[in-house]
Amino acid sequence: MSDQYHIPVMLSECVEGLNINPSGIYVDVTFGGGGHSKEILKHLDENGKLYSFDQDPDALRNVEGIDSSSFNFIQANFRHIKRFLKLKGVSQVDGILADLGISSHQIDEGERGFSTRFDAQLDMRMDQKQTLTARTIVNEYAEKDLHKIFGIYGEIKNAKTLASAIVSARSEGPIETIDQLKNILVKIAPRNREFKYFAQAFQALRIEVNDEMGALEDLLVQCGDILAPGGRLVVMSYHSLEDRLVKNYIAKGKFSGEAEKDFYGNLIRPLSPVTRKPVIATPDEVDENPRARSAKLRIAEKKQDDKK
């Protein structure tokens, strides 16, 4: 199943970025189809360990094909990385890989509500056990909150108009399906850019449903503690909001504001950038896998002299 589940983007660049020690401990926080995990396992010896996280129960199907004593699967949101690793007796690791965003499989599973290509209930939950769905947001959030979500997470220019249109439409009855929402969107989408507009609105709802930005912040902050000196963080993002968080945390050790410095003028940050600019996919890879077009890969290293 995993071959069709999701084609890993920049697979060799990700693994190369981890600078793998065969006997080291590594974490893949976004297991998905298992492509990155399987590649990492190829570089580990019998003493090496890989802990792979995924909150989506669908990902469990891809675990069955991995037969390695080095492999450990944890069904949980990566925002809880420190707690779950501690339960496994792990306090420090040599590398952490995150391939953010949504998998090809999740988009192609129409009933999950992630894709504009299928009509289904407005769901968009990556963790099926949680209660908040896209339907709840569309029908119950205040207009000002919808405005904020579509403006910030979807980067939609007429977000206020969209929020107003949704509130107006739901006053006549609940908005429960993808097609119902698209019928609202199409009326205010820029001409000849309807599909991009749909994608932006759906991205905004998905990020809110799954608290993706909050989860990413939680992960990044914990990485500074979990990584051993010289350990690597490799993060691949697919939209500017995620990339900005990753870039700021690596550069400044915080998500906004100016970087802090110590008495000697050195930056106070747990990680240092390995690559000055983000790594992007080759033209050949983009041709084979269009999803790679928007991918940005950032690599950072835990300071060698930080003995925390």
C-alpha atoms as a PDB file:
ATOM      1  CA  MET A   1       0.000   0.000   0.000  1.00  0.00           C
ATOM      2  CA  SER A   2       2.760   2.467   0.895  1.00  0.00           C
ATOM      3  CA  ASP A   3       3.953   2.888  -2.692  1.00  0.00           C
ATOM      4  CA  GLN A   4       0.630   4.476  -3.596  1.00  0.00           C
ATOM      5  CA  TYR A   5       0.092   6.070  -0.182  1.00  0.00           C
ATOM      6  CA  HIS A   6       2.520   8.940  -0.591  1.00  0.00           C
ATOM      7  CA  ILE A   7       5.597   9.651  -2.696  1.00  0.00           C
ATOM      8  CA  PRO A   8       8.294  11.047  -0.376  1.00  0.00           C
ATOM      9  CA  VAL A   9       9.580  14.444  -1.488  1.00  0.00           C
ATOM     10  CA  MET A  10      13.365  15.034  -1.566  1.00  0.00           C
ATOM     11  CA  LEU A  11      13.977  11.624   0.005  1.00  0.00           C
ATOM     12  CA  SER A  12      17.761  11.549  -0.479  1.00  0.00           C
ATOM     13  CA  GLU A  13      18.155  15.201   0.590  1.00  0.00           C
ATOM     14  CA  CYS A  14      16.200  14.521   3.816  1.00  0.00           C
ATOM     15  CA  VAL A  15      18.241  11.476   4.770  1.00  0.00           C
ATOM     16  CA  GLU A  16      21.498  13.173   3.797  1.00  0.00           C
ATOM     17  CA  GLY A  17      20.503  16.141   5.964  1.00  0.00           C
ATOM     18  CA  LEU A  18      20.203  13.886   9.022  1.00  0.00           C
ATOM     19  CA  ASN A  19      23.897  12.937   8.673  1.00  0.00           C
ATOM     20  CA  ILE A  20      23.063   9.494  10.064  1.00  0.00           C
ATOM     21  CA  ASN A  21      25.257   7.680  12.569  1.00  0.00           C
ATOM     22  CA  PRO A  22      24.448   3.953  12.029  1.00  0.00           C
ATOM     23  CA  SER A  23      24.238   3.352  15.803  1.00  0.00           C
ATOM     24  CA  GLY A  24      22.276   6.534  16.522  1.00  0.00           C
ATOM     25  CA  ILE A  25      18.703   7.219  17.584  1.00  0.00           C
ATOM     26  CA  TYR A  26      16.405   8.940  15.085  1.00  0.00           C
ATOM     27  CA  VAL A  27      12.811  10.139  14.969  1.00  0.00           C
ATOM     28  CA  ASP A  28      10.522  10.445  11.943  1.00  0.00           C
ATOM     29  CA  VAL A  29       7.633  12.503  13.300  1.00  0.00           C
ATOM     30  CA  THR A  30       5.511  12.118  10.140  1.00  0.00           C
ATOM     31  CA  PHE A  31       5.531   8.414   9.241  1.00  0.00           C
ATOM     32  CA  GLY A  32       2.703   8.492   6.651  1.00  0.00           C
ATOM     33  CA  GLY A  33       3.481   5.932   3.963  1.00  0.00           C
ATOM     34  CA  GLY A  34       6.762   5.041   5.632  1.00  0.00           C
ATOM     35  CA  GLY A  35       9.007   6.174   2.762  1.00  0.00           C
ATOM     36  CA  HIS A  36      11.359   8.291   4.850  1.00  0.00           C
ATOM     37  CA  SER A  37      11.384   5.787   7.731  1.00  0.00           C
ATOM     38  CA  LYS A  38      12.320   2.895   5.449  1.00  0.00           C
ATOM     39  CA  GLU A  39      15.184   4.915   3.979  1.00  0.00           C
ATOM     40  CA  ILE A  40      16.496   5.873   7.436  1.00  0.00           C
ATOM     41  CA  LEU A  41      16.385   2.212   8.525  1.00  0.00           C
ATOM     42  CA  LYS A  42      18.667   1.288   5.594  1.00  0.00           C
ATOM     43  CA  HIS A  43      21.370   3.444   7.193  1.00  0.00           C
ATOM     44  CA  LEU A  44      21.093   2.004  10.722  1.00  0.00           C
ATOM     45  CA  ASP A  45      22.942  -1.004  12.157  1.00  0.00           C
ATOM     46  CA  GLU A  46      21.580  -3.400  14.807  1.00  0.00           C
ATOM     47  CA  ASN A  47      22.307  -0.828  17.532  1.00  0.00           C
ATOM     48  CA  GLY A  48      20.513   2.037  15.800  1.00  0.00           C
ATOM     49  CA  LYS A  49      16.936   2.988  16.655  1.00  0.00           C
ATOM     50  CA  LEU A  50      14.138   4.740  14.767  1.00  0.00           C
ATOM     51  CA  TYR A  51      10.965   6.025  16.428  1.00  0.00           C
ATOM     52  CA  SER A  52       8.238   6.986  13.963  1.00  0.00           C
ATOM     53  CA  PHE A  53       5.166   9.041  14.916  1.00  0.00           C
ATOM     54  CA  ASP A  54       1.809   9.349  13.151  1.00  0.00           C
ATOM     55  CA  GLN A  55      -1.593  10.180  14.607  1.00  0.00           C
ATOM     56  CA  ASP A  56      -3.538   9.013  11.532  1.00  0.00           C
ATOM     57  CA  PRO A  57      -4.794   5.419  12.023  1.00  0.00           C
ATOM     58  CA  ASP A  58      -4.500   4.856   8.248  1.00  0.00           C
ATOM     59  CA  ALA A  59      -0.718   5.045   8.609  1.00  0.00           C
ATOM     60  CA  LEU A  60      -0.787   1.896  10.748  1.00  0.00           C
ATOM     61  CA  ARG A  61      -1.364  -0.190   7.606  1.00  0.00           C
ATOM     62  CA  ASN A  62       2.080   0.796   6.356  1.00  0.00           C
ATOM     63  CA  VAL A  63       3.800  -0.355   9.551  1.00  0.00           C
ATOM     64  CA  GLU A  64       3.053  -4.010   8.760  1.00  0.00           C
ATOM     65  CA  GLY A  65       5.591  -4.131   5.929  1.00  0.00           C
ATOM     66  CA  ILE A  66       8.523  -3.049   8.119  1.00  0.00           C
ATOM     67  CA  ASP A  67      10.467  -5.922   9.660  1.00  0.00           C
ATOM     68  CA  SER A  68      13.276  -4.371  11.654  1.00  0.00           C
ATOM     69  CA  SER A  69      14.248  -4.624  15.320  1.00  0.00           C
ATOM     70  CA  SER A  70      15.411  -1.001  15.080  1.00  0.00           C
ATOM     71  CA  PHE A  71      11.904   0.261  14.262  1.00  0.00           C
ATOM     72  CA  ASN A  72       9.358   1.547  16.799  1.00  0.00           C
ATOM     73  CA  PHE A  73       5.988   3.049  15.810  1.00  0.00           C
ATOM     74  CA  ILE A  74       4.176   5.523  18.065  1.00  0.00           C
ATOM     75  CA  GLN A  75       0.568   6.419  17.198  1.00  0.00           C
ATOM     76  CA  ALA A  76       0.463   9.976  18.494  1.00  0.00           C
ATOM     77  CA  ASN A  77       0.661  13.614  17.450  1.00  0.00           C
ATOM     78  CA  PHE A  78       4.281  14.734  17.173  1.00  0.00           C
ATOM     79  CA  ARG A  79       3.557  17.648  19.499  1.00  0.00           C
ATOM     80  CA  HIS A  80       3.900  15.082  22.312  1.00  0.00           C
ATOM     81  CA  ILE A  81       7.311  13.857  21.115  1.00  0.00           C
ATOM     82  CA  LYS A  82       9.176  14.415  24.390  1.00  0.00           C
ATOM     83  CA  ARG A  83       6.592  12.623  26.538  1.00  0.00           C
ATOM     84  CA  PHE A  84       6.303   9.566  24.304  1.00  0.00           C
ATOM     85  CA  LEU A  85      10.054   9.211  23.848  1.00  0.00           C
ATOM     86  CA  LYS A  86      10.461   9.408  27.627  1.00  0.00           C
ATOM     87  CA  LEU A  87       7.974   6.537  27.966  1.00  0.00           C
ATOM     88  CA  LYS A  88      10.325   4.558  25.696  1.00  0.00           C
ATOM     89  CA  GLY A  89      13.288   5.459  27.893  1.00  0.00           C
ATOM     90  CA  VAL A  90      14.727   7.936  25.379  1.00  0.00           C
ATOM     91  CA  SER A  91      15.861  11.384  26.530  1.00  0.00           C
ATOM     92  CA  GLN A  92      18.132  12.425  23.635  1.00  0.00           C
ATOM     93  CA  VAL A  93      18.231  11.598  19.924  1.00  0.00           C
ATOM     94  CA  ASP A  94      20.664  12.154  17.068  1.00  0.00           C
ATOM     95  CA  GLY A  95      18.202  13.360  14.468  1.00  0.00           C
ATOM     96  CA  ILE A  96      14.578  14.409  13.925  1.00  0.00           C
ATOM     97  CA  LEU A  97      12.824  14.475  10.542  1.00  0.00           C
ATOM     98  CA  ALA A  98       9.493  16.202   9.851  1.00  0.00           C
ATOM     99  CA  ASP A  99       7.704  16.130   6.482  1.00  0.00           C
ATOM    100  CA  LEU A 100       4.850  18.528   7.208  1.00  0.00           C
ATOM    101  CA  GLY A 101       1.470  19.029   5.585  1.00  0.00           C
ATOM    102  CA  ILE A 102      -0.947  16.508   4.193  1.00  0.00           C
ATOM    103  CA  SER A 103      -0.144  13.203   2.522  1.00  0.00           C
ATOM    104  CA  SER A 104      -1.242  12.228  -0.978  1.00  0.00           C
ATOM    105  CA  HIS A 105      -3.217   9.389   0.600  1.00  0.00           C
ATOM    106  CA  GLN A 106      -5.232  11.714   2.827  1.00  0.00           C
ATOM    107  CA  ILE A 107      -6.106  13.883  -0.168  1.00  0.00           C
ATOM    108  CA  ASP A 108      -7.145  10.869  -2.236  1.00  0.00           C
ATOM    109  CA  GLU A 109      -9.383   9.419   0.488  1.00  0.00           C
ATOM    110  CA  GLY A 110     -12.491  11.381  -0.464  1.00  0.00           C
ATOM    111  CA  GLU A 111     -14.510  10.664   2.681  1.00  0.00           C
ATOM    112  CA  ARG A 112     -11.864  12.329   4.872  1.00  0.00           C
ATOM    113  CA  GLY A 113     -12.940  15.718   3.504  1.00  0.00           C
ATOM    114  CA  PHE A 114      -9.435  17.014   2.720  1.00  0.00           C
ATOM    115  CA  SER A 115      -9.876  17.324  -1.043  1.00  0.00           C
ATOM    116  CA  THR A 116     -12.037  19.624  -3.148  1.00  0.00           C
ATOM    117  CA  ARG A 117     -12.264  16.864  -5.784  1.00  0.00           C
ATOM    118  CA  PHE A 118     -14.814  14.778  -3.884  1.00  0.00           C
ATOM    119  CA  ASP A 119     -18.093  15.558  -2.168  1.00  0.00           C
ATOM    120  CA  ALA A 120     -18.098  14.386   1.429  1.00  0.00           C
ATOM    121  CA  GLN A 121     -18.813  15.586   4.935  1.00  0.00           C
ATOM    122  CA  LEU A 122     -16.690  18.531   6.080  1.00  0.00           C
ATOM    123  CA  ASP A 123     -14.290  16.613   8.323  1.00  0.00           C
ATOM    124  CA  MET A 124     -10.513  17.160   7.778  1.00  0.00           C
ATOM    125  CA  ARG A 125      -9.431  15.498  11.030  1.00  0.00           C
ATOM    126  CA  MET A 126      -6.022  13.811  10.937  1.00  0.00           C
ATOM    127  CA  ASP A 127      -6.786  12.282  14.327  1.00  0.00           C
ATOM    128  CA  GLN A 128     -10.211  10.666  13.994  1.00  0.00           C
ATOM    129  CA  LYS A 129     -10.640  10.613  17.785  1.00  0.00           C
ATOM    130  CA  GLN A 130     -10.769  14.382  18.157  1.00  0.00           C
ATOM    131  CA  THR A 131     -14.128  16.171  18.144  1.00  0.00           C
ATOM    132  CA  LEU A 132     -13.385  19.387  16.233  1.00  0.00           C
ATOM    133  CA  THR A 133     -14.159  19.087  12.502  1.00  0.00           C
ATOM    134  CA  ALA A 134     -14.301  21.499   9.582  1.00  0.00           C
ATOM    135  CA  ARG A 135     -18.087  21.318   9.834  1.00  0.00           C
ATOM    136  CA  THR A 136     -17.935  22.664  13.402  1.00  0.00           C
ATOM    137  CA  ILE A 137     -15.722  25.563  12.341  1.00  0.00           C
ATOM    138  CA  VAL A 138     -17.826  26.546   9.328  1.00  0.00           C
ATOM    139  CA  ASN A 139     -21.104  26.404  11.254  1.00  0.00           C
ATOM    140  CA  GLU A 140     -20.182  27.573  14.744  1.00  0.00           C
ATOM    141  CA  TYR A 141     -17.179  29.913  14.630  1.00  0.00           C
ATOM    142  CA  ALA A 142     -17.871  33.644  14.931  1.00  0.00           C
ATOM    143  CA  GLU A 143     -17.505  35.707  11.756  1.00  0.00           C
ATOM    144  CA  LYS A 144     -14.418  37.522  13.101  1.00  0.00           C
ATOM    145  CA  ASP A 145     -12.736  34.184  13.838  1.00  0.00           C
ATOM    146  CA  LEU A 146     -13.518  32.853  10.351  1.00  0.00           C
ATOM    147  CA  HIS A 147     -12.079  36.076   8.920  1.00  0.00           C
ATOM    148  CA  LYS A 148      -8.878  35.539  10.896  1.00  0.00           C
ATOM    149  CA  ILE A 149      -8.510  31.845   9.935  1.00  0.00           C
ATOM    150  CA  PHE A 150      -9.021  32.411   6.210  1.00  0.00           C
ATOM    151  CA  GLY A 151      -6.821  35.501   6.209  1.00  0.00           C
ATOM    152  CA  ILE A 152      -3.879  34.072   8.158  1.00  0.00           C
ATOM    153  CA  TYR A 153      -3.950  30.345   7.428  1.00  0.00           C
ATOM    154  CA  GLY A 154      -5.348  30.545   3.898  1.00  0.00           C
ATOM    155  CA  GLU A 155      -3.701  33.857   2.971  1.00  0.00           C
ATOM    156  CA  ILE A 156      -6.968  34.770   1.254  1.00  0.00           C
ATOM    157  CA  LYS A 157      -7.170  38.440   0.293  1.00  0.00           C
ATOM    158  CA  ASN A 158     -10.964  38.766   0.584  1.00  0.00           C
ATOM    159  CA  ALA A 159     -11.163  36.729   3.794  1.00  0.00           C
ATOM    160  CA  LYS A 160     -13.630  39.142   5.374  1.00  0.00           C
ATOM    161  CA  THR A 161     -16.007  38.743   2.421  1.00  0.00           C
ATOM    162  CA  LEU A 162     -15.668  34.945   2.640  1.00  0.00           C
ATOM    163  CA  ALA A 163     -16.403  34.899   6.371  1.00  0.00           C
ATOM    164  CA  SER A 164     -19.479  37.044   5.825  1.00  0.00           C
ATOM    165  CA  ALA A 165     -20.699  34.805   2.984  1.00  0.00           C
ATOM    166  CA  ILE A 166     -20.388  31.684   5.154  1.00  0.00           C
ATOM    167  CA  VAL A 167     -22.265  33.264   8.069  1.00  0.00           C
ATOM    168  CA  SER A 168     -25.002  34.422   5.688  1.00  0.00           C
ATOM    169  CA  ALA A 169     -25.318  30.978   4.070  1.00  0.00           C
ATOM    170  CA  ARG A 170     -25.440  29.053   7.352  1.00  0.00           C
ATOM    171  CA  SER A 171     -28.300  31.233   8.606  1.00  0.00           C
ATOM    172  CA  GLU A 172     -30.483  29.382   6.092  1.00  0.00           C
ATOM    173  CA  GLY A 173     -29.291  25.932   7.180  1.00  0.00           C
ATOM    174  CA  PRO A 174     -26.127  24.070   8.215  1.00  0.00           C
ATOM    175  CA  ILE A 175     -23.205  23.781   5.781  1.00  0.00           C
ATOM    176  CA  GLU A 176     -22.305  20.105   6.011  1.00  0.00           C
ATOM    177  CA  THR A 177     -20.623  19.005   2.786  1.00  0.00           C
ATOM    178  CA  ILE A 178     -17.699  19.961   0.585  1.00  0.00           C
ATOM    179  CA  ASP A 179     -19.972  20.795  -2.348  1.00  0.00           C
ATOM    180  CA  GLN A 180     -22.087  23.094  -0.171  1.00  0.00           C
ATOM    181  CA  LEU A 181     -18.968  24.985   0.855  1.00  0.00           C
ATOM    182  CA  LYS A 182     -17.631  25.124  -2.709  1.00  0.00           C
ATOM    183  CA  ASN A 183     -20.951  26.643  -3.855  1.00  0.00           C
ATOM    184  CA  ILE A 184     -20.289  29.511  -1.441  1.00  0.00           C
ATOM    185  CA  LEU A 185     -16.625  29.862  -2.391  1.00  0.00           C
ATOM    186  CA  VAL A 186     -17.168  29.899  -6.144  1.00  0.00           C
ATOM    187  CA  LYS A 187     -19.336  33.025  -5.936  1.00  0.00           C
ATOM    188  CA  ILE A 188     -16.540  35.133  -4.453  1.00  0.00           C
ATOM    189  CA  ALA A 189     -13.430  33.430  -5.889  1.00  0.00           C
ATOM    190  CA  PRO A 190     -11.296  35.417  -8.358  1.00  0.00           C
ATOM    191  CA  ARG A 191     -12.242  34.547 -11.924  1.00  0.00           C
ATOM    192  CA  ASN A 192     -10.152  31.761 -13.468  1.00  0.00           C
ATOM    193  CA  ARG A 193      -8.516  31.131 -10.090  1.00  0.00           C
ATOM    194  CA  GLU A 194     -11.342  29.195  -8.471  1.00  0.00           C
ATOM    195  CA  PHE A 195      -9.357  26.025  -7.813  1.00  0.00           C
ATOM    196  CA  LYS A 196      -6.521  27.905  -6.126  1.00  0.00           C
ATOM    197  CA  TYR A 197      -9.094  29.747  -4.012  1.00  0.00           C
ATOM    198  CA  PHE A 198     -10.714  26.436  -3.005  1.00  0.00           C
ATOM    199  CA  ALA A 199      -7.296  25.075  -2.043  1.00  0.00           C
ATOM    200  CA  GLN A 200      -6.496  28.137   0.094  1.00  0.00           C
ATOM    201  CA  ALA A 201      -9.825  27.945   1.945  1.00  0.00           C
ATOM    202  CA  PHE A 202      -9.462  24.206   2.550  1.00  0.00           C
ATOM    203  CA  GLN A 203      -5.880  24.665   3.739  1.00  0.00           C
ATOM    204  CA  ALA A 204      -7.056  27.239   6.267  1.00  0.00           C
ATOM    205  CA  LEU A 205      -9.757  24.942   7.635  1.00  0.00           C
ATOM    206  CA  ARG A 206      -7.392  21.941   7.782  1.00  0.00           C
ATOM    207  CA  ILE A 207      -4.764  23.921   9.704  1.00  0.00           C
ATOM    208  CA  GLU A 208      -7.375  25.088  12.220  1.00  0.00           C
ATOM    209  CA  VAL A 209      -8.997  21.662  12.636  1.00  0.00           C
ATOM    210  CA  ASN A 210      -5.663  20.005  13.390  1.00  0.00           C
ATOM    211  CA  ASP A 211      -3.999  22.957  15.145  1.00  0.00           C
ATOM    212  CA  GLU A 212      -1.069  22.438  12.786  1.00  0.00           C
ATOM    213  CA  MET A 213       0.746  25.656  13.636  1.00  0.00           C
ATOM    214  CA  GLY A 214       0.450  25.063  17.382  1.00  0.00           C
ATOM    215  CA  ALA A 215       1.652  21.475  16.979  1.00  0.00           C
ATOM    216  CA  LEU A 216       4.638  22.626  14.914  1.00  0.00           C
ATOM    217  CA  GLU A 217       5.606  25.217  17.527  1.00  0.00           C
ATOM    218  CA  ASP A 218       5.383  22.572  20.258  1.00  0.00           C
ATOM    219  CA  LEU A 219       7.576  20.216  18.216  1.00  0.00           C
ATOM    220  CA  LEU A 220      10.256  22.811  17.431  1.00  0.00           C
ATOM    221  CA  VAL A 221      10.602  23.970  21.040  1.00  0.00           C
ATOM    222  CA  GLN A 222      11.054  20.367  22.217  1.00  0.00           C
ATOM    223  CA  CYS A 223      13.626  19.627  19.497  1.00  0.00           C
ATOM    224  CA  GLY A 224      16.063  21.987  21.175  1.00  0.00           C
ATOM    225  CA  ASP A 225      15.910  19.833  24.326  1.00  0.00           C
ATOM    226  CA  ILE A 226      15.699  16.375  22.753  1.00  0.00           C
ATOM    227  CA  LEU A 227      18.522  16.632  20.222  1.00  0.00           C
ATOM    228  CA  ALA A 228      21.944  15.524  21.432  1.00  0.00           C
ATOM    229  CA  PRO A 229      24.870  17.911  20.767  1.00  0.00           C
ATOM    230  CA  GLY A 230      25.634  17.665  17.051  1.00  0.00           C
ATOM    231  CA  GLY A 231      22.168  16.179  16.369  1.00  0.00           C
ATOM    232  CA  ARG A 232      20.263  17.298  13.273  1.00  0.00           C
ATOM    233  CA  LEU A 233      16.753  18.656  12.709  1.00  0.00           C
ATOM    234  CA  VAL A 234      15.432  18.274   9.149  1.00  0.00           C
ATOM    235  CA  VAL A 235      12.073  19.904   8.364  1.00  0.00           C
ATOM    236  CA  MET A 236      10.233  20.008   5.056  1.00  0.00           C
ATOM    237  CA  SER A 237       7.338  22.444   4.747  1.00  0.00           C
ATOM    238  CA  TYR A 238       4.887  23.195   1.968  1.00  0.00           C
ATOM    239  CA  HIS A 239       3.546  26.655   2.701  1.00  0.00           C
ATOM    240  CA  SER A 240       5.007  29.933   3.870  1.00  0.00           C
ATOM    241  CA  LEU A 241       3.425  29.885   7.345  1.00  0.00           C
ATOM    242  CA  GLU A 242       5.159  26.648   8.318  1.00  0.00           C
ATOM    243  CA  ASP A 243       8.422  27.626   6.680  1.00  0.00           C
ATOM    244  CA  ARG A 244       8.456  30.978   8.498  1.00  0.00           C
ATOM    245  CA  LEU A 245       8.046  29.281  11.895  1.00  0.00           C
ATOM    246  CA  VAL A 246      10.850  26.824  11.134  1.00  0.00           C
ATOM    247  CA  LYS A 247      13.140  29.526   9.727  1.00  0.00           C
ATOM    248  CA  ASN A 248      12.603  31.842  12.713  1.00  0.00           C
ATOM    249  CA  TYR A 249      13.108  29.133  15.308  1.00  0.00           C
ATOM    250  CA  ILE A 250      16.323  27.912  13.717  1.00  0.00           C
ATOM    251  CA  ALA A 251      17.681  31.439  13.234  1.00  0.00           C
ATOM    252  CA  LYS A 252      16.556  33.019  16.520  1.00  0.00           C
ATOM    253  CA  GLY A 253      15.408  30.283  18.888  1.00  0.00           C
ATOM    254  CA  LYS A 254      11.968  31.912  18.925  1.00  0.00           C
ATOM    255  CA  PHE A 255       9.028  32.408  16.556  1.00  0.00           C
ATOM    256  CA  SER A 256       8.814  36.198  16.467  1.00  0.00           C
ATOM    257  CA  GLY A 257      10.669  39.289  17.567  1.00  0.00           C
ATOM    258  CA  GLU A 258      14.381  39.958  17.612  1.00  0.00           C
ATOM    259  CA  ALA A 259      16.935  37.300  18.502  1.00  0.00           C
ATOM    260  CA  GLU A 260      18.381  37.513  22.016  1.00  0.00           C
ATOM    261  CA  LYS A 261      22.129  37.562  22.676  1.00  0.00           C
ATOM    262  CA  ASP A 262      24.267  36.639  25.652  1.00  0.00           C
ATOM    263  CA  PHE A 263      26.804  38.874  27.425  1.00  0.00           C
ATOM    264  CA  TYR A 264      29.391  38.151  24.717  1.00  0.00           C
ATOM    265  CA  GLY A 265      27.060  38.953  21.822  1.00  0.00           C
ATOM    266  CA  ASN A 266      26.398  35.342  20.848  1.00  0.00           C
ATOM    267  CA  LEU A 267      22.918  34.403  19.682  1.00  0.00           C
ATOM    268  CA  ILE A 268      20.890  32.523  22.286  1.00  0.00           C
ATOM    269  CA  ARG A 269      19.419  29.669  20.272  1.00  0.00           C
ATOM    270  CA  PRO A 270      19.544  25.879  20.653  1.00  0.00           C
ATOM    271  CA  LEU A 271      20.077  25.172  16.943  1.00  0.00           C
ATOM    272  CA  SER A 272      22.246  26.563  14.167  1.00  0.00           C
ATOM    273  CA  PRO A 273      21.338  26.493  10.464  1.00  0.00           C
ATOM    274  CA  VAL A 274      23.292  24.000   8.357  1.00  0.00           C
ATOM    275  CA  THR A 275      21.955  25.414   5.091  1.00  0.00           C
ATOM    276  CA  ARG A 276      21.799  29.189   4.586  1.00  0.00           C
ATOM    277  CA  LYS A 277      18.849  28.905   2.223  1.00  0.00           C
ATOM    278  CA  PRO A 278      16.159  26.214   2.089  1.00  0.00           C
ATOM    279  CA  VAL A 279      16.848  23.221  -0.135  1.00  0.00           C
ATOM    280  CA  ILE A 280      14.339  22.876  -2.990  1.00  0.00           C
ATOM    281  CA  ALA A 281      13.489  19.978  -5.279  1.00  0.00           C
ATOM    282  CA  THR A 282      15.179  19.525  -8.642  1.00  0.00           C
ATOM    283  CA  PRO A 283      13.190  20.293 -11.822  1.00  0.00           C
ATOM    284  CA  ASP A 284      13.165  16.557 -12.611  1.00  0.00           C
ATOM    285  CA  GLU A 285      11.577  15.710  -9.261  1.00  0.00           C
ATOM    286  CA  VAL A 286       8.967  18.447  -9.675  1.00  0.00           C
ATOM    287  CA  ASP A 287       8.053  16.988 -13.071  1.00  0.00           C
ATOM    288  CA  GLU A 288       7.599  13.544 -11.502  1.00  0.00           C
ATOM    289  CA  ASN A 289       5.906  14.729  -8.318  1.00  0.00           C
ATOM    290  CA  PRO A 290       4.141  18.137  -8.563  1.00  0.00           C
ATOM    291  CA  ARG A 291       3.808  18.237  -4.761  1.00  0.00           C
ATOM    292  CA  ALA A 292       7.569  18.835  -4.595  1.00  0.00           C
ATOM    293  CA  ARG A 293       7.193  22.247  -6.252  1.00  0.00           C
ATOM    294  CA  SER A 294       6.257  24.066  -3.054  1.00  0.00           C
ATOM    295  CA  ALA A 295       8.526  22.069  -0.717  1.00  0.00           C
ATOM    296  CA  LYS A 296      11.250  23.831   1.281  1.00  0.00           C
ATOM    297  CA  LEU A 297      13.744  21.806   3.271  1.00  0.00           C
ATOM    298  CA  ARG A 298      15.588  23.359   6.210  1.00  0.00           C
ATOM    299  CA  ILE A 299      18.377  21.662   8.147  1.00  0.00           C
ATOM    300  CA  ALA A 300      19.711  22.676  11.562  1.00  0.00           C
ATOM    301  CA  GLU A 301      22.165  21.262  14.084  1.00  0.00           C
ATOM    302  CA  LYS A 302      22.227  21.283  17.872  1.00  0.00           C
ATOM    303  CA  LYS A 303      25.194  23.222  19.170  1.00  0.00           C
ATOM    304  CA  GLN A 304      28.118  20.937  19.979  1.00  0.00           C
ATOM    305  CA  ASP A 305      29.003  22.874  23.123  1.00  0.00           C
ATOM    306  CA  ASP A 306      25.442  22.774  24.528  1.00  0.00           C
ATOM    307  CA  LYS A 307      25.493  20.064  27.179  1.00  0.00           C
ATOM    308  CA  LYS A 308      21.971  20.564  28.421  1.00  0.00           C
END
